[in-house]
């Protein structure tokens, strides 16, 4: 397995990114692996590497680069406050800029395929994966939101209203007892996607709380996490290798 850290220049700064792909073979379909609010840490790198072993060129960017140089965050109050402020620097428009820079970099790497692209977002990045599917319909063929929050909100820019132009198949690993993604919002999202004719699957992970996917965390739920892996592998295999 190849794992490397690179600095990718965007119009907003320098975005530290971790790239994972198999050592032999390729080129491999690109998957944009979008971090959760706790940011990049060993557990998330391990997840990106696990996906790459199945035959993908996985890119894990540090999305807080507009407000901070690359760093890992701890559990102190100071770090929690810093992350909360940095989350405000992450936006739907910004992720489109970031994705353009990531794909430009990958386009110069012979290990990366120039075909269809996948996107998967955790926590705050669930909505960002959807934004990429909407704003880059000719490249993004599959997108997943894993314990994503704020997918249905009372604003004109709510993600469930921003699904026009999508051509991607979508998957949602929906958490239980999450104030940012209550159970009743599943019906709203389901209705919007069905009316738009977007192929999708929503798994309500009963008993699995927000943050169920990354191992090692207090809310890690092995059954729900492995189910998300099964679904994501199936989603990307069918859409990125077609």
Protein backbone atom coordinates (compact mmCIF):
# COMPACT_ATOMS: atom_id res chain seq x y z
CA UNK A 1 0.00 0.00 0.00
CA UNK A 2 1.24 3.45 -0.94
CA UNK A 3 0.55 6.20 1.59
CA UNK A 4 1.88 9.70 1.07
CA UNK A 5 1.32 13.18 2.42
CA UNK A 6 1.18 15.97 -0.15
CA UNK A 7 0.45 19.70 -0.13
CA UNK A 8 -2.10 20.77 -2.74
CA UNK A 9 -2.42 24.46 -3.55
CA UNK A 10 -5.92 25.88 -3.99
CA UNK A 11 -7.10 29.45 -4.50
CA UNK A 12 -7.60 29.64 -0.72
CA UNK A 13 -4.31 28.22 0.53
CA UNK A 14 -2.35 24.99 0.85
CA UNK A 15 -4.38 21.88 1.65
CA UNK A 16 -2.47 19.02 3.26
CA UNK A 17 -3.80 15.77 1.81
CA UNK A 18 -3.12 12.10 2.45
CA UNK A 19 -3.19 9.81 -0.58
CA UNK A 20 -3.61 6.02 -0.43
CA UNK A 21 -3.59 3.48 -3.24
CA UNK A 22 -2.42 -0.08 -3.94
CA UNK A 23 1.24 -0.45 -4.78
CA UNK A 24 0.67 -2.66 -7.82
CA UNK A 25 -1.73 -2.35 -10.73
CA UNK A 26 -4.05 0.51 -11.52
CA UNK A 27 -4.94 3.11 -12.48
CA UNK A 28 -7.46 3.18 -9.68
CA UNK A 29 -10.79 5.05 -9.44
CA UNK A 30 -10.53 8.16 -7.28
CA UNK A 31 -12.48 8.45 -4.03
CA UNK A 32 -12.57 11.75 -2.15
CA UNK A 33 -12.61 10.82 1.54
CA UNK A 34 -13.94 13.78 3.51
CA UNK A 35 -13.08 14.08 7.18
CA UNK A 36 -15.45 14.48 10.11
CA UNK A 37 -15.34 17.27 12.70
CA UNK A 38 -12.64 15.60 14.86
CA UNK A 39 -10.41 15.98 11.77
CA UNK A 40 -7.71 13.70 10.40
CA UNK A 41 -6.32 11.21 12.91
CA UNK A 42 -4.94 7.67 12.84
CA UNK A 43 -8.41 6.07 12.84
CA UNK A 44 -9.51 8.03 9.77
CA UNK A 45 -6.26 7.31 7.96
CA UNK A 46 -6.75 3.62 8.68
CA UNK A 47 -10.24 3.79 7.20
CA UNK A 48 -8.98 5.53 4.07
CA UNK A 49 -6.26 2.91 3.73
CA UNK A 50 -8.77 0.09 4.19
CA UNK A 51 -10.84 1.44 1.32
CA UNK A 52 -7.77 1.87 -0.88
CA UNK A 53 -6.82 -1.80 -0.42
CA UNK A 54 -10.01 -2.71 -2.32
CA UNK A 55 -8.65 -0.95 -5.40
CA UNK A 56 -9.12 2.82 -5.08
CA UNK A 57 -7.06 6.00 -5.19
CA UNK A 58 -8.24 7.56 -1.93
CA UNK A 59 -7.63 11.22 -1.13
CA UNK A 60 -8.10 12.45 2.46
CA UNK A 61 -7.77 16.27 2.57
CA UNK A 62 -7.41 18.46 5.67
CA UNK A 63 -10.50 20.62 5.19
CA UNK A 64 -9.65 23.09 7.96
CA UNK A 65 -6.70 24.48 5.97
CA UNK A 66 -8.40 27.83 5.40
CA UNK A 67 -8.13 28.56 9.10
CA UNK A 68 -5.26 26.42 10.36
CA UNK A 69 -2.06 24.71 9.26
CA UNK A 70 -2.32 20.92 9.31
CA UNK A 71 -2.44 19.44 12.79
CA UNK A 72 -4.12 16.65 14.72
CA UNK A 73 -6.59 17.66 17.40
CA UNK A 74 -6.93 16.23 20.87
CA UNK A 75 -9.89 16.09 23.25
CA UNK A 76 -9.01 19.17 25.33
CA UNK A 77 -11.49 22.02 25.67
CA UNK A 78 -9.08 24.26 23.77
CA UNK A 79 -8.94 21.88 20.83
CA UNK A 80 -12.70 21.40 20.85
CA UNK A 81 -13.25 25.15 20.68
CA UNK A 82 -10.68 25.45 17.89
CA UNK A 83 -12.42 22.75 15.86
CA UNK A 84 -15.80 24.36 16.38
CA UNK A 85 -14.47 27.64 14.96
CA UNK A 86 -12.72 25.88 12.07
CA UNK A 87 -15.91 24.10 11.06
CA UNK A 88 -17.23 27.51 10.03
CA UNK A 89 -14.52 27.70 7.36
CA UNK A 90 -15.88 24.60 5.59
CA UNK A 91 -18.62 25.18 3.00
CA UNK A 92 -20.39 23.71 -0.02
CA UNK A 93 -18.69 26.21 -2.34
CA UNK A 94 -15.33 25.57 -0.72
CA UNK A 95 -15.48 21.79 -1.17
CA UNK A 96 -16.08 22.25 -4.89
CA UNK A 97 -12.91 24.36 -5.10
CA UNK A 98 -11.06 21.75 -3.06
CA UNK A 99 -12.30 18.87 -5.21
CA UNK A 100 -11.15 20.64 -8.35
CA UNK A 101 -7.64 20.98 -6.92
CA UNK A 102 -7.61 17.37 -5.71
CA UNK A 103 -8.67 16.03 -9.10
CA UNK A 104 -6.13 18.22 -10.88
CA UNK A 105 -3.38 16.73 -8.70
CA UNK A 106 -4.65 13.19 -9.25
CA UNK A 107 -4.79 13.82 -12.98
CA UNK A 108 -0.99 14.02 -12.97
CA UNK A 109 -0.57 10.71 -11.13
CA UNK A 110 -0.57 7.61 -13.32
CA UNK A 111 -1.94 5.59 -10.37
CA UNK A 112 -5.24 7.53 -10.56
CA UNK A 113 -7.94 6.83 -13.11
CA UNK A 114 -9.43 9.71 -15.12
CA UNK A 115 -12.90 8.14 -14.98
CA UNK A 116 -15.81 8.39 -12.59
CA UNK A 117 -15.15 9.58 -9.03
CA UNK A 118 -16.64 8.64 -5.66
CA UNK A 119 -17.11 10.84 -2.59
CA UNK A 120 -17.78 9.88 0.99
CA UNK A 121 -18.29 12.31 3.85
CA UNK A 122 -18.52 11.73 7.59
CA UNK A 123 -20.33 13.94 10.10
CA UNK A 124 -20.04 17.55 8.87
CA UNK A 125 -18.88 16.29 5.46
CA UNK A 126 -21.96 14.24 4.66
CA UNK A 127 -23.53 17.36 3.16
CA UNK A 128 -20.27 18.11 1.33
CA UNK A 129 -20.34 14.78 -0.45
CA UNK A 130 -23.86 15.66 -1.62
CA UNK A 131 -22.66 19.08 -2.76
CA UNK A 132 -20.03 17.44 -4.96
CA UNK A 133 -22.62 15.12 -6.47
CA UNK A 134 -24.77 18.13 -7.35
CA UNK A 135 -22.06 20.51 -8.52
CA UNK A 136 -19.85 17.98 -10.35
CA UNK A 137 -22.42 15.60 -11.91
CA UNK A 138 -20.18 14.58 -14.81
CA UNK A 139 -17.43 13.27 -12.48
CA UNK A 140 -19.13 12.17 -9.26
CA UNK A 141 -20.86 8.85 -9.92
CA UNK A 142 -21.39 7.74 -6.32
CA UNK A 143 -21.56 9.57 -3.01
CA UNK A 144 -22.13 8.52 0.58
CA UNK A 145 -23.04 10.37 3.77
CA UNK A 146 -22.09 8.52 6.95
CA UNK A 147 -23.69 9.86 10.13
CA UNK A 148 -23.99 13.16 8.29
CA UNK A 149 -25.67 16.04 10.09
CA UNK A 150 -27.76 18.96 8.89
CA UNK A 151 -29.06 17.20 5.77
CA UNK A 152 -32.56 18.59 6.23
CA UNK A 153 -32.71 22.13 7.61
CA UNK A 154 -35.17 24.99 7.40
CA UNK A 155 -33.21 27.02 4.87
CA UNK A 156 -33.28 27.44 1.10
CA UNK A 157 -29.81 25.89 0.90
CA UNK A 158 -30.79 22.74 2.79
CA UNK A 159 -28.97 19.74 1.27
CA UNK A 160 -32.25 17.92 0.61
CA UNK A 161 -33.26 20.83 -1.63
CA UNK A 162 -29.88 20.96 -3.40
CA UNK A 163 -30.14 17.71 -5.34
CA UNK A 164 -30.93 18.93 -8.84
CA UNK A 165 -28.47 17.93 -11.59
CA UNK A 166 -27.21 14.93 -9.60
CA UNK A 167 -26.36 11.83 -11.61
CA UNK A 168 -24.72 9.94 -8.77
CA UNK A 169 -26.14 7.06 -6.78
CA UNK A 170 -26.34 8.00 -3.10
CA UNK A 171 -26.00 6.10 0.16
CA UNK A 172 -26.83 7.31 3.68
CA UNK A 173 -25.73 5.62 6.90
CA UNK A 174 -28.24 7.42 9.15
CA UNK A 175 -27.47 7.53 12.90
CA UNK A 176 -29.90 7.02 15.74
CA UNK A 177 -30.74 9.69 18.33
CA UNK A 178 -28.83 12.44 16.49
CA UNK A 179 -30.34 15.92 16.98
CA UNK A 180 -28.67 17.06 13.75
CA UNK A 181 -30.26 14.18 11.80
CA UNK A 182 -33.51 13.14 13.53
CA UNK A 183 -35.36 10.03 12.40
CA UNK A 184 -38.27 12.01 10.93
CA UNK A 185 -35.93 13.70 8.46
CA UNK A 186 -35.39 10.38 6.70
CA UNK A 187 -38.88 10.63 5.22
CA UNK A 188 -38.17 14.15 3.97
CA UNK A 189 -34.90 13.12 2.34
CA UNK A 190 -36.42 9.93 0.91
CA UNK A 191 -39.29 11.89 -0.63
CA UNK A 192 -36.96 14.50 -2.18
CA UNK A 193 -34.65 11.89 -3.70
CA UNK A 194 -37.50 9.75 -5.01
CA UNK A 195 -39.21 12.72 -6.66
CA UNK A 196 -35.89 13.70 -8.27
CA UNK A 197 -35.37 10.18 -9.56
CA UNK A 198 -32.03 9.76 -7.79
CA UNK A 199 -31.04 6.16 -7.02
CA UNK A 200 -30.35 5.87 -3.33
CA UNK A 201 -30.35 3.77 -0.18
CA UNK A 202 -30.89 5.01 3.37
CA UNK A 203 -29.94 2.72 6.26
CA UNK A 204 -31.26 3.80 9.64
CA UNK A 205 -28.69 2.43 12.08
CA UNK A 206 -30.95 1.70 15.05
CA UNK A 207 -29.04 2.07 18.31
CA UNK A 208 -25.90 3.42 16.60
CA UNK A 209 -25.15 7.01 17.56
CA UNK A 210 -23.51 9.81 15.61
CA UNK A 211 -19.87 8.86 15.12
CA UNK A 212 -20.53 5.12 14.84
CA UNK A 213 -18.14 4.48 11.94
CA UNK A 214 -14.54 5.33 13.02
CA UNK A 215 -13.07 2.63 15.27
CA UNK A 216 -11.65 3.61 18.63
CA UNK A 217 -14.12 6.36 19.35
CA UNK A 218 -16.52 6.36 22.27
CA UNK A 219 -19.49 5.96 19.90
CA UNK A 220 -17.99 3.33 17.63
CA UNK A 221 -20.56 0.66 16.80
CA UNK A 222 -18.98 -2.33 15.11
CA UNK A 223 -22.17 -3.70 13.55
CA UNK A 224 -23.21 -0.34 12.09
CA UNK A 225 -19.68 0.45 10.96
CA UNK A 226 -19.29 -2.87 9.15
CA UNK A 227 -22.67 -2.36 7.51
CA UNK A 228 -21.51 1.00 6.17
CA UNK A 229 -18.39 -0.70 4.81
CA UNK A 230 -20.46 -3.33 3.03
CA UNK A 231 -22.73 -0.71 1.49
CA UNK A 232 -19.89 1.60 0.45
CA UNK A 233 -17.91 -1.20 -1.18
CA UNK A 234 -20.99 -2.24 -3.15
CA UNK A 235 -21.81 1.37 -4.12
CA UNK A 236 -18.34 2.17 -5.41
CA UNK A 237 -17.75 -1.18 -7.09
CA UNK A 238 -20.93 -0.88 -9.16
CA UNK A 239 -20.57 2.78 -10.07
CA UNK A 240 -16.83 3.43 -10.34
CA UNK A 241 -15.90 0.19 -12.08
CA UNK A 242 -18.84 0.18 -14.50
